[in-house]
PDB file of N, CA and C in Angstrom:
ATOM      1  N   UNK A   1     107.890  77.581  79.110  1.00  0.00           N
ATOM      2  CA  UNK A   1     109.372  78.635  79.381  1.00  0.00           C
ATOM      3  C   UNK A   1     108.979  79.310  80.808  1.00  0.00           C
ATOM      4  N   UNK A   2     110.559  78.903  81.478  1.00  0.00           N
ATOM      5  CA  UNK A   2     109.987  80.286  82.640  1.00  0.00           C
ATOM      6  C   UNK A   2     110.620  81.724  82.272  1.00  0.00           C
ATOM      7  N   UNK A   3     109.468  82.657  83.411  1.00  0.00           N
ATOM      8  CA  UNK A   3     109.684  84.209  82.791  1.00  0.00           C
ATOM      9  C   UNK A   3     110.189  84.262  84.049  1.00  0.00           C
ATOM     10  N   UNK A   4     111.479  84.145  84.434  1.00  0.00           N
ATOM     11  CA  UNK A   4     111.978  84.838  85.762  1.00  0.00           C
ATOM     12  C   UNK A   4     112.171  86.113  85.933  1.00  0.00           C
ATOM     13  N   UNK A   5     112.078  87.289  86.731  1.00  0.00           N
ATOM     14  CA  UNK A   5     112.885  88.626  87.339  1.00  0.00           C
ATOM     15  C   UNK A   5     113.536  88.969  88.018  1.00  0.00           C
ATOM     16  N   UNK A   6     114.499  89.702  87.163  1.00  0.00           N
ATOM     17  CA  UNK A   6     116.291  89.599  88.072  1.00  0.00           C
ATOM     18  C   UNK A   6     115.748  90.994  88.796  1.00  0.00           C
ATOM     19  N   UNK A   7     115.600  90.473  90.496  1.00  0.00           N
ATOM     20  CA  UNK A   7     115.562  91.805  91.405  1.00  0.00           C
ATOM     21  C   UNK A   7     116.853  92.297  92.095  1.00  0.00           C
ATOM     22  N   UNK A   8     118.023  92.006  91.680  1.00  0.00           N
ATOM     23  CA  UNK A   8     119.721  92.068  91.440  1.00  0.00           C
ATOM     24  C   UNK A   8     120.221  93.593  92.488  1.00  0.00           C
ATOM     25  N   UNK A   9     119.087  94.308  91.108  1.00  0.00           N
ATOM     26  CA  UNK A   9     119.436  95.408  91.682  1.00  0.00           C
ATOM     27  C   UNK A   9     118.627  96.385  92.101  1.00  0.00           C
ATOM     28  N   UNK A  10     117.528  95.968  92.748  1.00  0.00           N
ATOM     29  CA  UNK A  10     116.288  96.550  92.964  1.00  0.00           C
ATOM     30  C   UNK A  10     115.972  96.040  94.753  1.00  0.00           C
ATOM     31  N   UNK A  11     115.551  97.377  95.037  1.00  0.00           N
ATOM     32  CA  UNK A  11     114.880  96.610  96.988  1.00  0.00           C
ATOM     33  C   UNK A  11     113.814  96.392  96.890  1.00  0.00           C
ATOM     34  N   UNK A  12     114.448  95.627  98.117  1.00  0.00           N
ATOM     35  CA  UNK A  12     112.637  94.883  97.983  1.00  0.00           C
ATOM     36  C   UNK A  12     112.384  94.641  99.062  1.00  0.00           C
ATOM     37  N   UNK A  13     111.131  94.891  99.591  1.00  0.00           N
ATOM     38  CA  UNK A  13     110.714  94.982 101.121  1.00  0.00           C
ATOM     39  C   UNK A  13     109.131  94.934 101.621  1.00  0.00           C
ATOM     40  N   UNK A  14     109.533  94.209 103.171  1.00  0.00           N
ATOM     41  CA  UNK A  14     107.747  93.829 103.226  1.00  0.00           C
ATOM     42  C   UNK A  14     106.677  94.634 103.728  1.00  0.00           C
ATOM     43  N   UNK A  15     106.109  94.412 103.284  1.00  0.00           N
ATOM     44  CA  UNK A  15     105.117  95.624 102.946  1.00  0.00           C
ATOM     45  C   UNK A  15     103.610  94.867 103.819  1.00  0.00           C
ATOM     46  N   UNK A  16     103.637  93.384 103.649  1.00  0.00           N
ATOM     47  CA  UNK A  16     102.820  92.220 104.660  1.00  0.00           C
ATOM     48  C   UNK A  16     103.539  91.458 104.753  1.00  0.00           C
ATOM     49  N   UNK A  17     103.312  90.435 106.234  1.00  0.00           N
ATOM     50  CA  UNK A  17     103.360  89.546 106.453  1.00  0.00           C
ATOM     51  C   UNK A  17     103.467  88.212 105.886  1.00  0.00           C
ATOM     52  N   UNK A  18     103.505  87.609 105.491  1.00  0.00           N
ATOM     53  CA  UNK A  18     103.143  85.701 105.084  1.00  0.00           C
ATOM     54  C   UNK A  18     101.851  85.521 105.443  1.00  0.00           C
ATOM     55  N   UNK A  19     101.197  85.212 104.610  1.00  0.00           N
ATOM     56  CA  UNK A  19      99.676  84.961 105.346  1.00  0.00           C
ATOM     57  C   UNK A  19     100.063  83.249 104.627  1.00  0.00           C
ATOM     58  N   UNK A  20      98.550  82.676 104.770  1.00  0.00           N
ATOM     59  CA  UNK A  20      98.701  81.731 104.151  1.00  0.00           C
ATOM     60  C   UNK A  20      97.483  82.031 103.004  1.00  0.00           C
ATOM     61  N   UNK A  21      97.792  81.090 101.755  1.00  0.00           N
ATOM     62  CA  UNK A  21      97.053  81.413 100.539  1.00  0.00           C
ATOM     63  C   UNK A  21      96.027  80.285  99.981  1.00  0.00           C
ATOM     64  N   UNK A  22      94.932  80.566 100.520  1.00  0.00           N
ATOM     65  CA  UNK A  22      93.899  80.023 100.281  1.00  0.00           C
ATOM     66  C   UNK A  22      92.968  79.806  99.031  1.00  0.00           C
ATOM     67  N   UNK A  23      92.565  78.897  99.600  1.00  0.00           N
ATOM     68  CA  UNK A  23      90.971  78.307  98.484  1.00  0.00           C
ATOM     69  C   UNK A  23      89.883  78.685  98.631  1.00  0.00           C
ATOM     70  N   UNK A  24      88.987  78.670  97.788  1.00  0.00           N
ATOM     71  CA  UNK A  24      87.801  79.624  97.996  1.00  0.00           C
ATOM     72  C   UNK A  24      86.726  78.273  99.048  1.00  0.00           C
ATOM     73  N   UNK A  25      87.401  77.235  99.998  1.00  0.00           N
ATOM     74  CA  UNK A  25      86.709  76.850 100.525  1.00  0.00           C
ATOM     75  C   UNK A  25      87.375  77.609 101.849  1.00  0.00           C
ATOM     76  N   UNK A  26      88.702  78.542 101.859  1.00  0.00           N
ATOM     77  CA  UNK A  26      89.415  79.562 102.891  1.00  0.00           C
ATOM     78  C   UNK A  26      90.512  77.973 103.482  1.00  0.00           C
ATOM     79  N   UNK A  27      90.005  77.035 103.127  1.00  0.00           N
ATOM     80  CA  UNK A  27      92.002  76.027 103.133  1.00  0.00           C
ATOM     81  C   UNK A  27      92.878  76.181 102.562  1.00  0.00           C
ATOM     82  N   UNK A  28      94.535  76.366 103.459  1.00  0.00           N
ATOM     83  CA  UNK A  28      95.612  76.504 103.218  1.00  0.00           C
ATOM     84  C   UNK A  28      95.853  76.194 101.513  1.00  0.00           C
ATOM     85  N   UNK A  29      96.706  76.287 100.640  1.00  0.00           N
ATOM     86  CA  UNK A  29      96.496  75.768  99.043  1.00  0.00           C
ATOM     87  C   UNK A  29      97.735  74.851  99.444  1.00  0.00           C
ATOM     88  N   UNK A  30      97.631  73.668  98.912  1.00  0.00           N
ATOM     89  CA  UNK A  30      99.562  73.480  98.714  1.00  0.00           C
ATOM     90  C   UNK A  30      99.911  72.961  97.338  1.00  0.00           C
ATOM     91  N   UNK A  31     101.210  72.872  97.373  1.00  0.00           N
ATOM     92  CA  UNK A  31     101.868  72.432  95.732  1.00  0.00           C
ATOM     93  C   UNK A  31     100.764  71.125  95.527  1.00  0.00           C
ATOM     94  N   UNK A  32     100.670  71.033  94.130  1.00  0.00           N
ATOM     95  CA  UNK A  32      99.987  69.544  93.795  1.00  0.00           C
ATOM     96  C   UNK A  32     100.886  68.410  93.798  1.00  0.00           C
ATOM     97  N   UNK A  33     102.271  68.904  93.146  1.00  0.00           N
ATOM     98  CA  UNK A  33     103.680  68.209  93.123  1.00  0.00           C
ATOM     99  C   UNK A  33     104.181  67.372  94.694  1.00  0.00           C
ATOM    100  N   UNK A  34     104.007  68.074  95.864  1.00  0.00           N
ATOM    101  CA  UNK A  34     104.909  67.598  96.935  1.00  0.00           C
ATOM    102  C   UNK A  34     103.850  68.054  97.985  1.00  0.00           C
ATOM    103  N   UNK A  35     103.076  68.636  98.055  1.00  0.00           N
ATOM    104  CA  UNK A  35     101.671  69.010  98.877  1.00  0.00           C
ATOM    105  C   UNK A  35     102.907  70.140  99.913  1.00  0.00           C
ATOM    106  N   UNK A  36     103.299  71.200 100.102  1.00  0.00           N
ATOM    107  CA  UNK A  36     103.776  72.001 100.670  1.00  0.00           C
ATOM    108  C   UNK A  36     103.005  72.968 100.781  1.00  0.00           C
ATOM    109  N   UNK A  37     102.254  73.794 102.122  1.00  0.00           N
ATOM    110  CA  UNK A  37     101.569  74.796 102.316  1.00  0.00           C
ATOM    111  C   UNK A  37     102.244  75.816 101.618  1.00  0.00           C
ATOM    112  N   UNK A  38     101.240  76.624 100.785  1.00  0.00           N
ATOM    113  CA  UNK A  38     101.970  77.257 100.043  1.00  0.00           C
ATOM    114  C   UNK A  38     101.368  78.882 100.550  1.00  0.00           C
ATOM    115  N   UNK A  39     102.244  80.445 100.426  1.00  0.00           N
ATOM    116  CA  UNK A  39     101.903  81.182 101.559  1.00  0.00           C
ATOM    117  C   UNK A  39     102.423  82.745 100.701  1.00  0.00           C
ATOM    118  N   UNK A  40     101.495  84.351 100.669  1.00  0.00           N
ATOM    119  CA  UNK A  40     101.491  85.088 100.078  1.00  0.00           C
ATOM    120  C   UNK A  40     102.064  85.915 100.805  1.00  0.00           C
ATOM    121  N   UNK A  41     103.087  85.944 100.132  1.00  0.00           N
ATOM    122  CA  UNK A  41     104.005  88.330 100.674  1.00  0.00           C
ATOM    123  C   UNK A  41     103.983  88.918 100.102  1.00  0.00           C
ATOM    124  N   UNK A  42     103.663  89.890 100.723  1.00  0.00           N
ATOM    125  CA  UNK A  42     103.361  91.106 100.217  1.00  0.00           C
ATOM    126  C   UNK A  42     104.853  91.708  99.779  1.00  0.00           C
ATOM    127  N   UNK A  43     105.504  92.344  98.914  1.00  0.00           N
ATOM    128  CA  UNK A  43     106.325  93.029  99.487  1.00  0.00           C
ATOM    129  C   UNK A  43     106.599  94.622  98.133  1.00  0.00           C
ATOM    130  N   UNK A  44     106.949  95.445  98.206  1.00  0.00           N
ATOM    131  CA  UNK A  44     107.237  96.233  97.353  1.00  0.00           C
ATOM    132  C   UNK A  44     108.914  96.283  96.442  1.00  0.00           C
ATOM    133  N   UNK A  45     108.710  96.943  95.626  1.00  0.00           N
ATOM    134  CA  UNK A  45     109.619  96.290  94.829  1.00  0.00           C
ATOM    135  C   UNK A  45     110.082  98.090  94.311  1.00  0.00           C
ATOM    136  N   UNK A  46     111.218  98.193  94.746  1.00  0.00           N
ATOM    137  CA  UNK A  46     111.527  99.669  93.878  1.00  0.00           C
ATOM    138  C   UNK A  46     113.093 100.176  93.512  1.00  0.00           C
ATOM    139  N   UNK A  47     112.745 100.698  91.870  1.00  0.00           N
ATOM    140  CA  UNK A  47     114.127 100.191  91.234  1.00  0.00           C
ATOM    141  C   UNK A  47     113.765 102.262  90.618  1.00  0.00           C
ATOM    142  N   UNK A  48     114.695 102.241  89.935  1.00  0.00           N
ATOM    143  CA  UNK A  48     114.972 104.167  89.859  1.00  0.00           C
ATOM    144  C   UNK A  48     113.660 104.075  88.321  1.00  0.00           C
ATOM    145  N   UNK A  49     113.171 103.588  88.008  1.00  0.00           N
ATOM    146  CA  UNK A  49     111.978 103.959  87.399  1.00  0.00           C
ATOM    147  C   UNK A  49     110.235 103.859  88.448  1.00  0.00           C
ATOM    148  N   UNK A  50     110.901 103.359  89.827  1.00  0.00           N
ATOM    149  CA  UNK A  50     109.829 104.008  90.597  1.00  0.00           C
ATOM    150  C   UNK A  50     109.506 102.608  91.067  1.00  0.00           C
ATOM    151  N   UNK A  51     108.144 102.543  91.575  1.00  0.00           N
ATOM    152  CA  UNK A  51     107.807 100.973  92.592  1.00  0.00           C
ATOM    153  C   UNK A  51     106.686 100.642  92.565  1.00  0.00           C
ATOM    154  N   UNK A  52     106.616  99.608  92.377  1.00  0.00           N
ATOM    155  CA  UNK A  52     105.330  98.613  92.626  1.00  0.00           C
ATOM    156  C   UNK A  52     105.155  97.431  94.273  1.00  0.00           C
ATOM    157  N   UNK A  53     104.393  97.279  94.056  1.00  0.00           N
ATOM    158  CA  UNK A  53     103.734  96.019  94.877  1.00  0.00           C
ATOM    159  C   UNK A  53     103.274  95.122  94.762  1.00  0.00           C
ATOM    160  N   UNK A  54     104.030  93.741  94.842  1.00  0.00           N
ATOM    161  CA  UNK A  54     103.683  92.608  94.391  1.00  0.00           C
ATOM    162  C   UNK A  54     103.022  91.438  95.471  1.00  0.00           C
ATOM    163  N   UNK A  55     102.560  90.722  95.357  1.00  0.00           N
ATOM    164  CA  UNK A  55     102.259  89.397  96.095  1.00  0.00           C
ATOM    165  C   UNK A  55     103.251  88.401  95.895  1.00  0.00           C
ATOM    166  N   UNK A  56     103.637  87.420  96.117  1.00  0.00           N
ATOM    167  CA  UNK A  56     104.667  86.479  95.860  1.00  0.00           C
ATOM    168  C   UNK A  56     104.368  85.670  96.896  1.00  0.00           C
ATOM    169  N   UNK A  57     104.274  84.288  95.892  1.00  0.00           N
ATOM    170  CA  UNK A  57     103.747  82.784  96.549  1.00  0.00           C
ATOM    171  C   UNK A  57     104.790  82.001  96.851  1.00  0.00           C
ATOM    172  N   UNK A  58     105.096  81.537  97.789  1.00  0.00           N
ATOM    173  CA  UNK A  58     105.961  80.387  98.322  1.00  0.00           C
ATOM    174  C   UNK A  58     105.548  79.984  98.795  1.00  0.00           C
ATOM    175  N   UNK A  59     106.094  78.258  98.824  1.00  0.00           N
ATOM    176  CA  UNK A  59     105.642  77.047  99.179  1.00  0.00           C
ATOM    177  C   UNK A  59     106.863  76.361 100.193  1.00  0.00           C
ATOM    178  N   UNK A  60     106.090  75.770 101.049  1.00  0.00           N
ATOM    179  CA  UNK A  60     107.206  74.947 102.402  1.00  0.00           C
ATOM    180  C   UNK A  60     106.960  76.208 103.452  1.00  0.00           C
ATOM    181  N   UNK A  61     107.929  75.834 104.024  1.00  0.00           N
ATOM    182  CA  UNK A  61     108.081  76.827 105.342  1.00  0.00           C
ATOM    183  C   UNK A  61     107.471  78.522 104.991  1.00  0.00           C
ATOM    184  N   UNK A  62     106.709  78.535 106.627  1.00  0.00           N
ATOM    185  CA  UNK A  62     106.700  80.037 106.360  1.00  0.00           C
ATOM    186  C   UNK A  62     107.731  80.956 106.536  1.00  0.00           C
ATOM    187  N   UNK A  63     107.664  82.136 105.186  1.00  0.00           N
ATOM    188  CA  UNK A  63     108.701  82.924 104.925  1.00  0.00           C
ATOM    189  C   UNK A  63     108.975  84.122 106.537  1.00  0.00           C
ATOM    190  N   UNK A  64     109.481  84.130 107.165  1.00  0.00           N
ATOM    191  CA  UNK A  64     110.135  84.438 108.355  1.00  0.00           C
ATOM    192  C   UNK A  64     110.677  85.973 108.239  1.00  0.00           C
ATOM    193  N   UNK A  65     109.763  86.841 107.919  1.00  0.00           N
ATOM    194  CA  UNK A  65     110.637  87.889 107.275  1.00  0.00           C
ATOM    195  C   UNK A  65     109.262  88.987 108.016  1.00  0.00           C
ATOM    196  N   UNK A  66     109.236  90.234 108.088  1.00  0.00           N
ATOM    197  CA  UNK A  66     108.561  91.191 109.009  1.00  0.00           C
ATOM    198  C   UNK A  66     108.823  92.235 107.960  1.00  0.00           C
ATOM    199  N   UNK A  67     107.221  93.280 108.786  1.00  0.00           N
ATOM    200  CA  UNK A  67     106.842  93.975 107.299  1.00  0.00           C
ATOM    201  C   UNK A  67     107.669  95.378 107.910  1.00  0.00           C
ATOM    202  N   UNK A  68     108.702  96.091 106.644  1.00  0.00           N
ATOM    203  CA  UNK A  68     109.047  96.883 107.085  1.00  0.00           C
ATOM    204  C   UNK A  68     111.224  96.564 106.390  1.00  0.00           C
ATOM    205  N   UNK A  69     111.187  95.274 106.440  1.00  0.00           N
ATOM    206  CA  UNK A  69     112.511  94.191 106.098  1.00  0.00           C
ATOM    207  C   UNK A  69     113.062  94.310 104.859  1.00  0.00           C
ATOM    208  N   UNK A  70     114.038  95.076 104.078  1.00  0.00           N
ATOM    209  CA  UNK A  70     114.785  94.487 103.358  1.00  0.00           C
ATOM    210  C   UNK A  70     114.785  92.762 103.067  1.00  0.00           C
ATOM    211  N   UNK A  71     114.837  92.590 101.926  1.00  0.00           N
ATOM    212  CA  UNK A  71     114.285  90.943 101.872  1.00  0.00           C
ATOM    213  C   UNK A  71     114.864  90.487 100.246  1.00  0.00           C
ATOM    214  N   UNK A  72     115.537  89.674 100.381  1.00  0.00           N
ATOM    215  CA  UNK A  72     115.824  88.576  98.479  1.00  0.00           C
ATOM    216  C   UNK A  72     114.932  87.785  98.189  1.00  0.00           C
ATOM    217  N   UNK A  73     114.717  87.755  96.859  1.00  0.00           N
ATOM    218  CA  UNK A  73     113.517  86.931  96.264  1.00  0.00           C
ATOM    219  C   UNK A  73     114.657  85.812  95.620  1.00  0.00           C
ATOM    220  N   UNK A  74     114.990  84.788  95.970  1.00  0.00           N
ATOM    221  CA  UNK A  74     114.996  83.702  94.934  1.00  0.00           C
ATOM    222  C   UNK A  74     113.968  82.835  93.775  1.00  0.00           C
ATOM    223  N   UNK A  75     114.547  83.131  92.757  1.00  0.00           N
ATOM    224  CA  UNK A  75     114.230  82.415  91.328  1.00  0.00           C
ATOM    225  C   UNK A  75     112.673  83.301  90.899  1.00  0.00           C
ATOM    226  N   UNK A  76     112.324  84.231  91.392  1.00  0.00           N
ATOM    227  CA  UNK A  76     111.273  84.942  91.145  1.00  0.00           C
ATOM    228  C   UNK A  76     110.578  84.687  89.770  1.00  0.00           C
ATOM    229  N   UNK A  77     109.480  84.434  89.448  1.00  0.00           N
ATOM    230  CA  UNK A  77     109.352  83.703  88.339  1.00  0.00           C
ATOM    231  C   UNK A  77     107.626  84.666  87.932  1.00  0.00           C
ATOM    232  N   UNK A  78     107.596  85.144  86.791  1.00  0.00           N
ATOM    233  CA  UNK A  78     106.360  85.834  86.611  1.00  0.00           C
ATOM    234  C   UNK A  78     105.144  84.924  85.454  1.00  0.00           C
ATOM    235  N   UNK A  79     104.154  85.253  86.289  1.00  0.00           N
ATOM    236  CA  UNK A  79     103.414  84.142  85.782  1.00  0.00           C
ATOM    237  C   UNK A  79     101.954  84.397  85.004  1.00  0.00           C
ATOM    238  N   UNK A  80     101.833  84.667  83.613  1.00  0.00           N
ATOM    239  CA  UNK A  80     100.745  85.634  83.027  1.00  0.00           C
ATOM    240  C   UNK A  80      99.433  84.512  82.995  1.00  0.00           C
ATOM    241  N   UNK A  81      98.938  85.224  83.257  1.00  0.00           N
ATOM    242  CA  UNK A  81      97.336  83.921  83.676  1.00  0.00           C
ATOM    243  C   UNK A  81      96.277  84.853  83.311  1.00  0.00           C
ATOM    244  N   UNK A  82      95.101  84.312  82.662  1.00  0.00           N
ATOM    245  CA  UNK A  82      94.231  84.907  81.857  1.00  0.00           C
ATOM    246  C   UNK A  82      92.944  84.281  82.060  1.00  0.00           C
ATOM    247  N   UNK A  83      92.036  84.459  82.518  1.00  0.00           N
ATOM    248  CA  UNK A  83      90.449  83.174  83.236  1.00  0.00           C
ATOM    249  C   UNK A  83      89.363  84.240  83.156  1.00  0.00           C
ATOM    250  N   UNK A  84      88.383  83.818  82.091  1.00  0.00           N
ATOM    251  CA  UNK A  84      86.926  84.634  82.250  1.00  0.00           C
ATOM    252  C   UNK A  84      87.190  86.103  81.971  1.00  0.00           C
ATOM    253  N   UNK A  85      87.963  86.747  80.563  1.00  0.00           N
ATOM    254  CA  UNK A  85      87.922  87.920  80.630  1.00  0.00           C
ATOM    255  C   UNK A  85      88.615  88.515  81.368  1.00  0.00           C
ATOM    256  N   UNK A  86      89.267  88.184  82.169  1.00  0.00           N
ATOM    257  CA  UNK A  86      89.878  88.903  83.292  1.00  0.00           C
ATOM    258  C   UNK A  86      91.670  88.205  83.026  1.00  0.00           C
ATOM    259  N   UNK A  87      92.720  89.184  83.152  1.00  0.00           N
ATOM    260  CA  UNK A  87      94.442  88.285  82.734  1.00  0.00           C
ATOM    261  C   UNK A  87      95.139  89.161  84.084  1.00  0.00           C
ATOM    262  N   UNK A  88      96.116  88.613  84.120  1.00  0.00           N
ATOM    263  CA  UNK A  88      97.505  89.691  85.235  1.00  0.00           C
ATOM    264  C   UNK A  88      98.672  88.888  85.246  1.00  0.00           C
ATOM    265  N   UNK A  89      99.455  88.898  86.114  1.00  0.00           N
ATOM    266  CA  UNK A  89     100.405  88.517  85.945  1.00  0.00           C
ATOM    267  C   UNK A  89     100.564  88.089  87.633  1.00  0.00           C
ATOM    268  N   UNK A  90     101.099  86.631  88.462  1.00  0.00           N
ATOM    269  CA  UNK A  90     101.658  86.381  89.542  1.00  0.00           C
ATOM    270  C   UNK A  90     102.757  85.788  89.109  1.00  0.00           C
ATOM    271  N   UNK A  91     103.058  86.945  90.969  1.00  0.00           N
ATOM    272  CA  UNK A  91     104.642  86.064  91.280  1.00  0.00           C
ATOM    273  C   UNK A  91     104.611  85.207  91.804  1.00  0.00           C
ATOM    274  N   UNK A  92     105.938  84.196  91.777  1.00  0.00           N
ATOM    275  CA  UNK A  92     106.241  82.748  92.571  1.00  0.00           C
ATOM    276  C   UNK A  92     107.427  83.077  93.005  1.00  0.00           C
ATOM    277  N   UNK A  93     107.778  82.545  93.992  1.00  0.00           N
ATOM    278  CA  UNK A  93     109.274  83.130  94.051  1.00  0.00           C
ATOM    279  C   UNK A  93     109.693  81.602  94.980  1.00  0.00           C
ATOM    280  N   UNK A  94     110.887  81.058  95.061  1.00  0.00           N
ATOM    281  CA  UNK A  94     111.544  79.819  95.229  1.00  0.00           C
ATOM    282  C   UNK A  94     111.591  80.319  96.612  1.00  0.00           C
ATOM    283  N   UNK A  95     112.542  81.522  97.252  1.00  0.00           N
ATOM    284  CA  UNK A  95     112.149  81.774  98.932  1.00  0.00           C
ATOM    285  C   UNK A  95     112.540  83.186  98.571  1.00  0.00           C
ATOM    286  N   UNK A  96     111.850  83.600  99.876  1.00  0.00           N
ATOM    287  CA  UNK A  96     112.145  85.087 100.636  1.00  0.00           C
ATOM    288  C   UNK A  96     112.651  85.236 101.651  1.00  0.00           C
ATOM    289  N   UNK A  97     113.777  85.454 101.739  1.00  0.00           N
ATOM    290  CA  UNK A  97     114.810  86.221 103.100  1.00  0.00           C
ATOM    291  C   UNK A  97     115.249  87.168 103.531  1.00  0.00           C
ATOM    292  N   UNK A  98     115.358  87.138 104.370  1.00  0.00           N
ATOM    293  CA  UNK A  98     116.401  88.748 104.710  1.00  0.00           C
ATOM    294  C   UNK A  98     117.078  88.671 103.987  1.00  0.00           C
ATOM    295  N   UNK A  99     117.717  90.332 103.999  1.00  0.00           N
ATOM    296  CA  UNK A  99     118.745  91.050 103.010  1.00  0.00           C
ATOM    297  C   UNK A  99     119.686  90.926 103.761  1.00  0.00           C
ATOM    298  N   UNK A 100     120.779  90.372 103.033  1.00  0.00           N
ATOM    299  CA  UNK A 100     122.780  90.101 103.926  1.00  0.00           C
ATOM    300  C   UNK A 100     122.472  92.206 103.956  1.00  0.00           C
ATOM    301  N   UNK A 101     123.225  92.527 105.434  1.00  0.00           N
ATOM    302  CA  UNK A 101     123.671  93.392 105.875  1.00  0.00           C
ATOM    303  C   UNK A 101     124.461  93.904 104.990  1.00  0.00           C
ATOM    304  N   UNK A 102     124.683  94.949 103.894  1.00  0.00           N
ATOM    305  CA  UNK A 102     125.616  96.236 103.006  1.00  0.00           C
ATOM    306  C   UNK A 102     126.701  95.943 103.842  1.00  0.00           C
ATOM    307  N   UNK A 103     128.136  95.660 103.274  1.00  0.00           N
ATOM    308  CA  UNK A 103     129.438  95.965 104.105  1.00  0.00           C
ATOM    309  C   UNK A 103     130.158  96.696 103.643  1.00  0.00           C
ATOM    310  N   UNK A 104     130.251  97.435 104.901  1.00  0.00           N
ATOM    311  CA  UNK A 104     130.565  98.400 104.878  1.00  0.00           C
ATOM    312  C   UNK A 104     132.492  98.595 104.312  1.00  0.00           C
ATOM    313  N   UNK A 105     132.658  99.179 103.771  1.00  0.00           N
ATOM    314  CA  UNK A 105     134.155  99.536 103.366  1.00  0.00           C
ATOM    315  C   UNK A 105     135.152 100.712 104.256  1.00  0.00           C
ATOM    316  N   UNK A 106     136.144 100.186 105.013  1.00  0.00           N
ATOM    317  CA  UNK A 106     137.192 101.581 105.743  1.00  0.00           C
ATOM    318  C   UNK A 106     138.160 102.236 105.086  1.00  0.00           C
TER     319      UNK A 106
END
């Protein structure tokens, strides 16, 4: 089962630009199925309850986003994990891209 997170009513801002997601040997990780390179982008997600910093993994072309830029996350998936007595939630998105500017009505 996939757990998707709805960010449509949240403000998502880049807090650290995309960097290569690396393995223990310092090599960039790739998707098993496709061989596409993986990237990690840090974002700050803000809603009415407060904010949280997330590291979001994407695969393919490096996300072209800058620190401070509002972005949208396409199909943000929460991936619970547990290993060696530690646990947490990893996040993966199909795409991170610049948010469309708000349309002002006259």
